C-alpha atoms as a PDB file:
ATOM      1  CA  MET A   1     -13.586 -28.708  -7.105  1.00  0.00           C
ATOM      2  CA  PRO A   2     -15.666 -26.503  -9.403  1.00  0.00           C
ATOM      3  CA  TYR A   3     -14.347 -23.363 -11.086  1.00  0.00           C
ATOM      4  CA  THR A   4     -11.147 -25.017 -12.254  1.00  0.00           C
ATOM      5  CA  ALA A   5     -11.807 -25.456 -15.995  1.00  0.00           C
ATOM      6  CA  GLU A   6      -9.016 -24.213 -18.213  1.00  0.00           C
ATOM      7  CA  ILE A   7      -9.949 -21.299 -20.437  1.00  0.00           C
ATOM      8  CA  SER A   8      -8.812 -21.621 -24.032  1.00  0.00           C
ATOM      9  CA  ARG A   9      -9.807 -20.482 -27.489  1.00  0.00           C
ATOM     10  CA  ALA A  10     -11.538 -23.837 -27.905  1.00  0.00           C
ATOM     11  CA  ASN A  11     -13.298 -23.476 -24.537  1.00  0.00           C
ATOM     12  CA  PRO A  12     -13.763 -19.766 -23.798  1.00  0.00           C
ATOM     13  CA  THR A  13     -15.863 -18.179 -21.091  1.00  0.00           C
ATOM     14  CA  CYS A  14     -17.802 -14.924 -20.891  1.00  0.00           C
ATOM     15  CA  PHE A  15     -18.252 -11.855 -18.739  1.00  0.00           C
ATOM     16  CA  VAL A  16     -21.553  -9.974 -18.656  1.00  0.00           C
ATOM     17  CA  PHE A  17     -21.405  -6.450 -17.230  1.00  0.00           C
ATOM     18  CA  VAL A  18     -24.796  -5.085 -16.163  1.00  0.00           C
ATOM     19  CA  VAL A  19     -24.496  -1.340 -15.610  1.00  0.00           C
ATOM     20  CA  ASP A  20     -26.985   0.996 -13.944  1.00  0.00           C
ATOM     21  CA  GLN A  21     -27.365   4.028 -16.228  1.00  0.00           C
ATOM     22  CA  SER A  22     -30.297   5.651 -14.396  1.00  0.00           C
ATOM     23  CA  GLY A  23     -30.500   9.394 -13.797  1.00  0.00           C
ATOM     24  CA  SER A  24     -29.022   9.149 -10.295  1.00  0.00           C
ATOM     25  CA  MET A  25     -25.731   7.906 -11.755  1.00  0.00           C
ATOM     26  CA  GLN A  26     -25.130  11.573 -12.592  1.00  0.00           C
ATOM     27  CA  ASP A  27     -24.629  12.223  -8.853  1.00  0.00           C
ATOM     28  CA  GLN A  28     -21.202  12.561  -7.312  1.00  0.00           C
ATOM     29  CA  ILE A  29     -19.568   9.400  -6.020  1.00  0.00           C
ATOM     30  CA  GLY A  30     -18.888   9.418  -2.294  1.00  0.00           C
ATOM     31  CA  GLY A  31     -15.607   9.090  -0.497  1.00  0.00           C
ATOM     32  CA  GLY A  32     -13.361  11.185  -2.724  1.00  0.00           C
ATOM     33  CA  GLU A  33     -11.892  14.654  -2.614  1.00  0.00           C
ATOM     34  CA  VAL A  34     -12.256  15.128  -6.376  1.00  0.00           C
ATOM     35  CA  VAL A  35     -15.752  15.625  -7.800  1.00  0.00           C
ATOM     36  CA  GLN A  36     -16.443  12.575  -9.970  1.00  0.00           C
ATOM     37  CA  ARG A  37     -19.788  11.418 -11.313  1.00  0.00           C
ATOM     38  CA  LYS A  38     -20.763   7.821 -10.612  1.00  0.00           C
ATOM     39  CA  ALA A  39     -21.474   7.139 -14.294  1.00  0.00           C
ATOM     40  CA  GLN A  40     -18.007   8.384 -15.262  1.00  0.00           C
ATOM     41  CA  VAL A  41     -16.215   6.381 -12.567  1.00  0.00           C
ATOM     42  CA  VAL A  42     -18.026   3.153 -13.479  1.00  0.00           C
ATOM     43  CA  SER A  43     -17.526   3.529 -17.239  1.00  0.00           C
ATOM     44  CA  ASP A  44     -13.841   4.396 -16.741  1.00  0.00           C
ATOM     45  CA  ALA A  45     -13.348   1.317 -14.553  1.00  0.00           C
ATOM     46  CA  ILE A  46     -14.968  -1.018 -17.085  1.00  0.00           C
ATOM     47  CA  ASN A  47     -13.109   0.559 -20.012  1.00  0.00           C
ATOM     48  CA  ARG A  48      -9.827   0.134 -18.150  1.00  0.00           C
ATOM     49  CA  LEU A  49     -10.635  -3.490 -17.368  1.00  0.00           C
ATOM     50  CA  LEU A  50     -11.518  -4.250 -20.994  1.00  0.00           C
ATOM     51  CA  TYR A  51      -8.214  -2.746 -22.095  1.00  0.00           C
ATOM     52  CA  GLU A  52      -6.320  -4.821 -19.534  1.00  0.00           C
ATOM     53  CA  LEU A  53      -8.115  -7.976 -20.708  1.00  0.00           C
ATOM     54  CA  THR A  54      -7.060  -7.313 -24.305  1.00  0.00           C
ATOM     55  CA  LEU A  55      -3.443  -6.902 -23.171  1.00  0.00           C
ATOM     56  CA  LYS A  56      -3.614 -10.051 -21.052  1.00  0.00           C
ATOM     57  CA  CYS A  57      -4.855 -12.077 -24.025  1.00  0.00           C
ATOM     58  CA  ALA A  58      -2.552 -10.529 -26.647  1.00  0.00           C
ATOM     59  CA  LYS A  59      -0.167 -12.929 -28.389  1.00  0.00           C
ATOM     60  CA  GLU A  60       2.058 -12.581 -31.444  1.00  0.00           C
ATOM     61  CA  GLU A  61      -0.793 -13.423 -33.803  1.00  0.00           C
ATOM     62  CA  GLY A  62      -3.211 -11.028 -32.104  1.00  0.00           C
ATOM     63  CA  VAL A  63      -5.702 -11.039 -29.238  1.00  0.00           C
ATOM     64  CA  ARG A  64      -6.944 -14.517 -28.450  1.00  0.00           C
ATOM     65  CA  ASP A  65     -10.638 -15.039 -27.771  1.00  0.00           C
ATOM     66  CA  TYR A  66     -10.369 -16.567 -24.315  1.00  0.00           C
ATOM     67  CA  PHE A  67     -13.252 -14.315 -23.286  1.00  0.00           C
ATOM     68  CA  HIS A  68     -16.407 -12.979 -24.876  1.00  0.00           C
ATOM     69  CA  VAL A  69     -17.926  -9.900 -23.272  1.00  0.00           C
ATOM     70  CA  ALA A  70     -21.404  -8.381 -23.053  1.00  0.00           C
ATOM     71  CA  CYS A  71     -22.174  -4.971 -21.578  1.00  0.00           C
ATOM     72  CA  LEU A  72     -25.820  -4.268 -20.769  1.00  0.00           C
ATOM     73  CA  GLY A  73     -26.960  -0.845 -19.648  1.00  0.00           C
ATOM     74  CA  TYR A  74     -30.280   0.008 -18.026  1.00  0.00           C
ATOM     75  CA  GLY A  75     -31.921   3.368 -17.457  1.00  0.00           C
ATOM     76  CA  ALA A  76     -34.134   5.079 -20.012  1.00  0.00           C
ATOM     77  CA  SER A  77     -33.863   1.804 -21.934  1.00  0.00           C
ATOM     78  CA  VAL A  78     -32.308  -1.647 -21.547  1.00  0.00           C
ATOM     79  CA  GLY A  79     -29.799  -2.987 -24.040  1.00  0.00           C
ATOM     80  CA  SER A  80     -26.206  -3.099 -25.162  1.00  0.00           C
ATOM     81  CA  ALA A  81     -24.092  -0.376 -23.565  1.00  0.00           C
ATOM     82  CA  PHE A  82     -21.306  -0.572 -26.136  1.00  0.00           C
ATOM     83  CA  ALA A  83     -20.650   2.598 -28.113  1.00  0.00           C
ATOM     84  CA  GLY A  84     -19.251   3.046 -31.623  1.00  0.00           C
ATOM     85  CA  ALA A  85     -18.983   0.111 -34.019  1.00  0.00           C
ATOM     86  CA  LEU A  86     -20.111  -2.348 -31.327  1.00  0.00           C
ATOM     87  CA  ARG A  87     -23.320  -0.459 -30.595  1.00  0.00           C
ATOM     88  CA  GLU A  88     -26.278  -2.844 -30.183  1.00  0.00           C
ATOM     89  CA  ARG A  89     -23.973  -5.886 -30.142  1.00  0.00           C
ATOM     90  CA  GLU A  90     -24.510  -8.271 -27.238  1.00  0.00           C
ATOM     91  CA  MET A  91     -21.841 -10.967 -26.778  1.00  0.00           C
ATOM     92  CA  VAL A  92     -18.617  -9.819 -28.449  1.00  0.00           C
ATOM     93  CA  PRO A  93     -15.352 -11.802 -28.789  1.00  0.00           C
ATOM     94  CA  LEU A  94     -12.432 -10.082 -27.079  1.00  0.00           C
ATOM     95  CA  SER A  95     -10.480  -9.752 -30.356  1.00  0.00           C
ATOM     96  CA  GLU A  96     -13.317  -7.642 -31.791  1.00  0.00           C
ATOM     97  CA  ILE A  97     -13.410  -5.523 -28.662  1.00  0.00           C
ATOM     98  CA  ALA A  98      -9.670  -4.921 -28.991  1.00  0.00           C
ATOM     99  CA  THR A  99      -9.989  -3.621 -32.540  1.00  0.00           C
ATOM    100  CA  ASN A 100     -13.216  -1.645 -32.089  1.00  0.00           C
ATOM    101  CA  PRO A 101     -13.029   0.971 -29.337  1.00  0.00           C
ATOM    102  CA  ALA A 102     -15.494   3.775 -29.957  1.00  0.00           C
ATOM    103  CA  ARG A 103     -12.598   6.237 -29.704  1.00  0.00           C
ATOM    104  CA  LEU A 104      -9.255   6.928 -28.062  1.00  0.00           C
ATOM    105  CA  GLU A 105      -9.212   9.730 -25.504  1.00  0.00           C
ATOM    106  CA  GLU A 106      -6.168  11.524 -24.195  1.00  0.00           C
ATOM    107  CA  ARG A 107      -5.788  11.084 -20.447  1.00  0.00           C
ATOM    108  CA  THR A 108      -3.014  12.031 -18.052  1.00  0.00           C
ATOM    109  CA  LYS A 109      -1.473   9.673 -15.545  1.00  0.00           C
ATOM    110  CA  LYS A 110       1.419   9.970 -13.134  1.00  0.00           C
ATOM    111  CA  THR A 111       4.465   7.778 -13.791  1.00  0.00           C
ATOM    112  CA  PRO A 112       7.832   7.441 -12.001  1.00  0.00           C
ATOM    113  CA  ASP A 113      10.430   9.929 -13.263  1.00  0.00           C
ATOM    114  CA  GLY A 114      13.396   7.712 -12.379  1.00  0.00           C
ATOM    115  CA  ALA A 115      14.507  10.029  -9.576  1.00  0.00           C
ATOM    116  CA  GLY A 116      11.983   9.055  -6.925  1.00  0.00           C
ATOM    117  CA  GLY A 117       9.280  11.437  -8.070  1.00  0.00           C
ATOM    118  CA  LEU A 118       6.276  11.385 -10.375  1.00  0.00           C
ATOM    119  CA  VAL A 119       5.664  13.105 -13.666  1.00  0.00           C
ATOM    120  CA  GLU A 120       2.402  13.505 -15.597  1.00  0.00           C
ATOM    121  CA  GLN A 121       2.254  11.674 -18.884  1.00  0.00           C
ATOM    122  CA  THR A 122      -0.378  11.837 -21.626  1.00  0.00           C
ATOM    123  CA  VAL A 123      -1.684   8.421 -22.702  1.00  0.00           C
ATOM    124  CA  LYS A 124      -4.307   7.126 -25.111  1.00  0.00           C
ATOM    125  CA  PHE A 125      -7.321   5.688 -23.273  1.00  0.00           C
ATOM    126  CA  PRO A 126      -9.656   3.416 -25.284  1.00  0.00           C
ATOM    127  CA  VAL A 127     -13.377   3.911 -24.672  1.00  0.00           C
ATOM    128  CA  TRP A 128     -16.020   1.259 -25.293  1.00  0.00           C
ATOM    129  CA  LEU A 129     -18.654   2.476 -22.799  1.00  0.00           C
ATOM    130  CA  ASP A 130     -19.793   6.075 -22.429  1.00  0.00           C
ATOM    131  CA  PRO A 131     -20.983   7.480 -19.093  1.00  0.00           C
ATOM    132  CA  VAL A 132     -24.789   7.548 -19.339  1.00  0.00           C
ATOM    133  CA  ALA A 133     -27.254   8.706 -16.653  1.00  0.00           C
ATOM    134  CA  ASP A 134     -30.904   8.946 -17.688  1.00  0.00           C
ATOM    135  CA  GLY A 135     -34.244   7.459 -16.695  1.00  0.00           C
ATOM    136  CA  GLY A 136     -35.352   4.974 -14.049  1.00  0.00           C
ATOM    137  CA  THR A 137     -33.830   1.749 -12.734  1.00  0.00           C
ATOM    138  CA  PRO A 138     -35.295  -1.235 -14.643  1.00  0.00           C
ATOM    139  CA  MET A 139     -32.916  -3.635 -12.896  1.00  0.00           C
ATOM    140  CA  THR A 140     -35.157  -6.684 -13.160  1.00  0.00           C
ATOM    141  CA  GLN A 141     -35.483  -6.385 -16.929  1.00  0.00           C
ATOM    142  CA  ALA A 142     -31.732  -5.968 -17.337  1.00  0.00           C
ATOM    143  CA  LEU A 143     -30.900  -8.972 -15.176  1.00  0.00           C
ATOM    144  CA  ALA A 144     -33.469 -11.064 -17.045  1.00  0.00           C
ATOM    145  CA  GLN A 145     -31.667 -10.120 -20.256  1.00  0.00           C
ATOM    146  CA  ALA A 146     -28.358 -11.118 -18.649  1.00  0.00           C
ATOM    147  CA  ARG A 147     -29.917 -14.461 -17.755  1.00  0.00           C
ATOM    148  CA  ARG A 148     -30.834 -15.041 -21.391  1.00  0.00           C
ATOM    149  CA  LEU A 149     -27.265 -14.315 -22.503  1.00  0.00           C
ATOM    150  CA  VAL A 150     -25.803 -16.658 -19.896  1.00  0.00           C
ATOM    151  CA  SER A 151     -28.298 -19.406 -20.766  1.00  0.00           C
ATOM    152  CA  ASP A 152     -27.411 -19.163 -24.454  1.00  0.00           C
ATOM    153  CA  TRP A 153     -23.719 -19.235 -23.573  1.00  0.00           C
ATOM    154  CA  VAL A 154     -23.757 -22.385 -21.423  1.00  0.00           C
ATOM    155  CA  ASP A 155     -25.946 -24.138 -23.994  1.00  0.00           C
ATOM    156  CA  ALA A 156     -23.235 -23.480 -26.582  1.00  0.00           C
ATOM    157  CA  HIS A 157     -20.263 -24.018 -24.203  1.00  0.00           C
ATOM    158  CA  PRO A 158     -21.341 -26.734 -21.748  1.00  0.00           C
ATOM    159  CA  SER A 159     -17.851 -27.399 -20.319  1.00  0.00           C
ATOM    160  CA  CYS A 160     -16.724 -23.785 -19.938  1.00  0.00           C
ATOM    161  CA  PHE A 161     -15.491 -21.984 -16.863  1.00  0.00           C
ATOM    162  CA  PRO A 162     -18.868 -20.654 -15.659  1.00  0.00           C
ATOM    163  CA  PRO A 163     -19.955 -17.222 -16.938  1.00  0.00           C
ATOM    164  CA  VAL A 164     -19.553 -14.287 -14.575  1.00  0.00           C
ATOM    165  CA  VAL A 165     -22.178 -11.525 -14.356  1.00  0.00           C
ATOM    166  CA  LEU A 166     -20.953  -8.284 -12.741  1.00  0.00           C
ATOM    167  CA  HIS A 167     -23.779  -5.946 -11.772  1.00  0.00           C
ATOM    168  CA  LEU A 168     -23.035  -2.336 -10.770  1.00  0.00           C
ATOM    169  CA  THR A 169     -25.870  -0.175  -9.434  1.00  0.00           C
ATOM    170  CA  ASP A 170     -26.547   2.828  -7.210  1.00  0.00           C
ATOM    171  CA  GLY A 171     -30.200   2.284  -6.309  1.00  0.00           C
ATOM    172  CA  GLU A 172     -33.197   0.041  -5.933  1.00  0.00           C
ATOM    173  CA  SER A 173     -35.069  -1.559  -8.820  1.00  0.00           C
ATOM    174  CA  THR A 174     -38.043   0.382 -10.206  1.00  0.00           C
ATOM    175  CA  ASP A 175     -39.516  -2.609 -12.053  1.00  0.00           C
ATOM    176  CA  GLY A 176     -40.038  -5.121  -9.276  1.00  0.00           C
ATOM    177  CA  ASP A 177     -38.050  -7.612  -7.260  1.00  0.00           C
ATOM    178  CA  PRO A 178     -34.988  -8.815  -9.217  1.00  0.00           C
ATOM    179  CA  SER A 179     -34.645 -12.006  -7.150  1.00  0.00           C
ATOM    180  CA  THR A 180     -36.285 -14.310  -9.691  1.00  0.00           C
ATOM    181  CA  ALA A 181     -33.981 -13.104 -12.464  1.00  0.00           C
ATOM    182  CA  THR A 182     -30.890 -13.370 -10.288  1.00  0.00           C
ATOM    183  CA  GLN A 183     -31.742 -16.829  -9.021  1.00  0.00           C
ATOM    184  CA  GLY A 184     -32.262 -17.772 -12.650  1.00  0.00           C
ATOM    185  CA  ILE A 185     -28.737 -16.632 -13.477  1.00  0.00           C
ATOM    186  CA  MET A 186     -27.147 -18.502 -10.576  1.00  0.00           C
ATOM    187  CA  SER A 187     -29.085 -21.702 -11.372  1.00  0.00           C
ATOM    188  CA  LEU A 188     -27.488 -21.957 -14.809  1.00  0.00           C
ATOM    189  CA  LEU A 189     -24.416 -24.153 -14.914  1.00  0.00           C
ATOM    190  CA  SER A 190     -21.713 -25.710 -16.971  1.00  0.00           C
ATOM    191  CA  THR A 191     -19.933 -28.932 -16.038  1.00  0.00           C
ATOM    192  CA  ASP A 192     -17.532 -26.731 -14.023  1.00  0.00           C
ATOM    193  CA  GLY A 193     -20.107 -25.077 -11.765  1.00  0.00           C
ATOM    194  CA  ASN A 194     -22.928 -22.560 -11.546  1.00  0.00           C
ATOM    195  CA  ALA A 195     -22.831 -19.172 -13.216  1.00  0.00           C
ATOM    196  CA  LEU A 196     -21.569 -16.448 -10.901  1.00  0.00           C
ATOM    197  CA  LEU A 197     -23.359 -13.196 -10.092  1.00  0.00           C
ATOM    198  CA  PHE A 198     -21.505 -10.427  -8.269  1.00  0.00           C
ATOM    199  CA  ASN A 199     -23.157  -7.163  -7.173  1.00  0.00           C
ATOM    200  CA  LEU A 200     -21.692  -3.755  -6.378  1.00  0.00           C
ATOM    201  CA  HIS A 201     -23.526  -0.759  -4.943  1.00  0.00           C
ATOM    202  CA  VAL A 202     -21.984   2.596  -5.870  1.00  0.00           C
ATOM    203  CA  SER A 203     -21.852   5.072  -3.002  1.00  0.00           C
ATOM    204  CA  SER A 204     -23.160   8.630  -2.942  1.00  0.00           C
ATOM    205  CA  ALA A 205     -22.714   9.247   0.765  1.00  0.00           C
ATOM    206  CA  GLY A 206     -19.181   8.034   1.284  1.00  0.00           C
ATOM    207  CA  GLY A 207     -18.126   6.094   4.355  1.00  0.00           C
ATOM    208  CA  THR A 208     -16.444   2.731   4.708  1.00  0.00           C
ATOM    209  CA  PRO A 209     -17.434   0.219   2.024  1.00  0.00           C
ATOM    210  CA  ALA A 210     -18.639  -3.263   2.989  1.00  0.00           C
ATOM    211  CA  THR A 211     -16.254  -5.259   0.821  1.00  0.00           C
ATOM    212  CA  PHE A 212     -16.807  -8.963   0.143  1.00  0.00           C
ATOM    213  CA  PRO A 213     -18.629  -9.670   3.438  1.00  0.00           C
ATOM    214  CA  ASP A 214     -19.588 -13.156   4.636  1.00  0.00           C
ATOM    215  CA  ASN A 215     -22.810 -12.089   6.362  1.00  0.00           C
ATOM    216  CA  ASP A 216     -25.317  -9.239   6.225  1.00  0.00           C
ATOM    217  CA  ALA A 217     -25.272  -8.240   9.901  1.00  0.00           C
ATOM    218  CA  ALA A 218     -23.486  -4.917   9.316  1.00  0.00           C
ATOM    219  CA  LEU A 219     -25.449  -3.931   6.220  1.00  0.00           C
ATOM    220  CA  PRO A 220     -27.621  -0.845   6.768  1.00  0.00           C
ATOM    221  CA  ASP A 221     -30.953  -1.682   5.119  1.00  0.00           C
ATOM    222  CA  GLN A 222     -33.095  -4.227   3.300  1.00  0.00           C
ATOM    223  CA  PHE A 223     -31.819  -3.175  -0.124  1.00  0.00           C
ATOM    224  CA  ALA A 224     -28.216  -3.865   0.889  1.00  0.00           C
ATOM    225  CA  LYS A 225     -29.257  -7.208   2.372  1.00  0.00           C
ATOM    226  CA  LEU A 226     -31.128  -8.087  -0.828  1.00  0.00           C
ATOM    227  CA  LEU A 227     -28.041  -7.433  -2.952  1.00  0.00           C
ATOM    228  CA  PHE A 228     -25.973  -9.556  -0.561  1.00  0.00           C
ATOM    229  CA  SER A 229     -28.478 -12.411  -0.761  1.00  0.00           C
ATOM    230  CA  ILE A 230     -28.412 -12.460  -4.568  1.00  0.00           C
ATOM    231  CA  SER A 231     -24.603 -12.512  -4.784  1.00  0.00           C
ATOM    232  CA  SER A 232     -22.653 -15.713  -5.402  1.00  0.00           C
ATOM    233  CA  TYR A 233     -20.070 -17.105  -3.030  1.00  0.00           C
ATOM    234  CA  LEU A 234     -16.539 -16.327  -4.166  1.00  0.00           C
ATOM    235  CA  PRO A 235     -14.803 -19.357  -5.724  1.00  0.00           C
ATOM    236  CA  GLU A 236     -11.637 -20.457  -3.976  1.00  0.00           C
ATOM    237  CA  HIS A 237      -9.163 -19.011  -6.493  1.00  0.00           C
ATOM    238  CA  MET A 238     -10.860 -15.607  -6.249  1.00  0.00           C
ATOM    239  CA  LYS A 239     -10.684 -15.761  -2.452  1.00  0.00           C
ATOM    240  CA  VAL A 240      -6.971 -16.479  -2.699  1.00  0.00           C
ATOM    241  CA  TYR A 241      -6.518 -13.458  -4.933  1.00  0.00           C
ATOM    242  CA  ALA A 242      -8.660 -11.305  -2.625  1.00  0.00           C
ATOM    243  CA  LYS A 243      -6.421 -12.285   0.307  1.00  0.00           C
ATOM    244  CA  GLN A 244      -3.414 -11.198  -1.739  1.00  0.00           C
ATOM    245  CA  GLN A 245      -5.118  -7.807  -2.015  1.00  0.00           C
ATOM    246  CA  GLY A 246      -5.338  -7.592   1.784  1.00  0.00           C
ATOM    247  CA  LEU A 247      -8.995  -8.620   2.142  1.00  0.00           C
ATOM    248  CA  ALA A 248     -10.278 -11.050   4.744  1.00  0.00           C
ATOM    249  CA  THR A 249     -12.273 -13.984   3.356  1.00  0.00           C
ATOM    250  CA  SER A 250     -14.049 -17.045   4.693  1.00  0.00           C
ATOM    251  CA  ASP A 251     -16.171 -19.916   3.415  1.00  0.00           C
ATOM    252  CA  GLY A 252     -19.147 -17.532   3.421  1.00  0.00           C
ATOM    253  CA  THR A 253     -17.525 -14.667   1.490  1.00  0.00           C
ATOM    254  CA  ARG A 254     -19.723 -13.382  -1.325  1.00  0.00           C
ATOM    255  CA  GLY A 255     -18.970 -11.344  -4.407  1.00  0.00           C
ATOM    256  CA  PHE A 256     -20.602  -8.212  -3.066  1.00  0.00           C
ATOM    257  CA  VAL A 257     -19.540  -4.654  -2.262  1.00  0.00           C
ATOM    258  CA  TYR A 258     -21.812  -2.056  -0.659  1.00  0.00           C
ATOM    259  CA  ASN A 259     -21.176   1.691  -0.505  1.00  0.00           C
ATOM    260  CA  ALA A 260     -18.319   1.350  -2.986  1.00  0.00           C
ATOM    261  CA  ASP A 261     -15.837   4.144  -3.590  1.00  0.00           C
ATOM    262  CA  VAL A 262     -13.516   4.503  -6.587  1.00  0.00           C
ATOM    263  CA  THR A 263     -10.884   2.133  -5.199  1.00  0.00           C
ATOM    264  CA  SER A 264     -13.328  -0.618  -4.293  1.00  0.00           C
ATOM    265  CA  ILE A 265     -14.996  -0.453  -7.728  1.00  0.00           C
ATOM    266  CA  VAL A 266     -11.662  -1.185  -9.408  1.00  0.00           C
ATOM    267  CA  GLN A 267     -10.915  -3.921  -6.867  1.00  0.00           C
ATOM    268  CA  PHE A 268     -14.360  -5.483  -7.348  1.00  0.00           C
ATOM    269  CA  LEU A 269     -13.891  -5.733 -11.113  1.00  0.00           C
ATOM    270  CA  ASP A 270     -10.339  -7.041 -10.772  1.00  0.00           C
ATOM    271  CA  ILE A 271     -11.290  -9.834  -8.370  1.00  0.00           C
ATOM    272  CA  GLY A 272     -14.574 -10.636 -10.111  1.00  0.00           C
ATOM    273  CA  THR A 273     -12.881 -11.248 -13.457  1.00  0.00           C
ATOM    274  CA  ARG A 274     -10.066 -13.349 -11.998  1.00  0.00           C
ATOM    275  CA  ALA A 275     -10.669 -16.519 -13.957  1.00  0.00           C
ATOM    276  CA  SER A 276      -8.724 -19.793 -13.982  1.00  0.00           C
ATOM    277  CA  ASP A 277      -5.562 -20.322 -16.024  1.00  0.00           C
ATOM    278  CA  LEU A 278      -5.566 -19.447 -19.725  1.00  0.00           C
ATOM    279  CA  ARG A 279      -4.367 -22.004 -22.256  1.00  0.00           C
END
């Protein structure tokens, strides 16, 4: 079966985040009682995931480079979305990400107080991506750039667990049909399988998200159906993990979420970066 290659320092894999940073990402995300901007929710979710990856790969000698990560943003321009010391960098080893957050912010979170209640606690939150919302939606250009990164990666790592591209957007492309670029991504392959492309549409209106569907019958429009059609099928180990999260899956389940709220964004990133065993 494909998608079973061990991930090691000698045979790492990569994640490519492609993030919509167009002007409409300044709008409020749907489905929540608290006013939160889509750009802020998405950047927070990716920052949290990057932090969790560094913890997952931390050993006594430091963070191991099981993963390399690229973050592409598209809006007023297309390019690296990293802030701080990693600005303009494309594919960055995880150990460098761990040691180079743009800054540490103070955030509050609720933790158990030991007596059955919750208490607010101030924690340090590392930030690598800032919330940006400006310009149009040059999706096709951004995905073409992601294809180049994935192509370079599999050329250099031919036996790797296939690269995963995670695309988060809130609107339609303003620079043409992205299908050619996306098919180009999914046609690239290592000896372990084809590169994976997962798509998430961020909601403004609220309502029930369409989470990892296996067909497009319930999707509301042609844009939603396009995103579904350019999303990879979930590999078996990701489907197993999705089932553990209470989601129904089938042979046709794709890595796609439409009308996503805050919870489903976090879930999408968690499942989409669930790689095979680390060694």
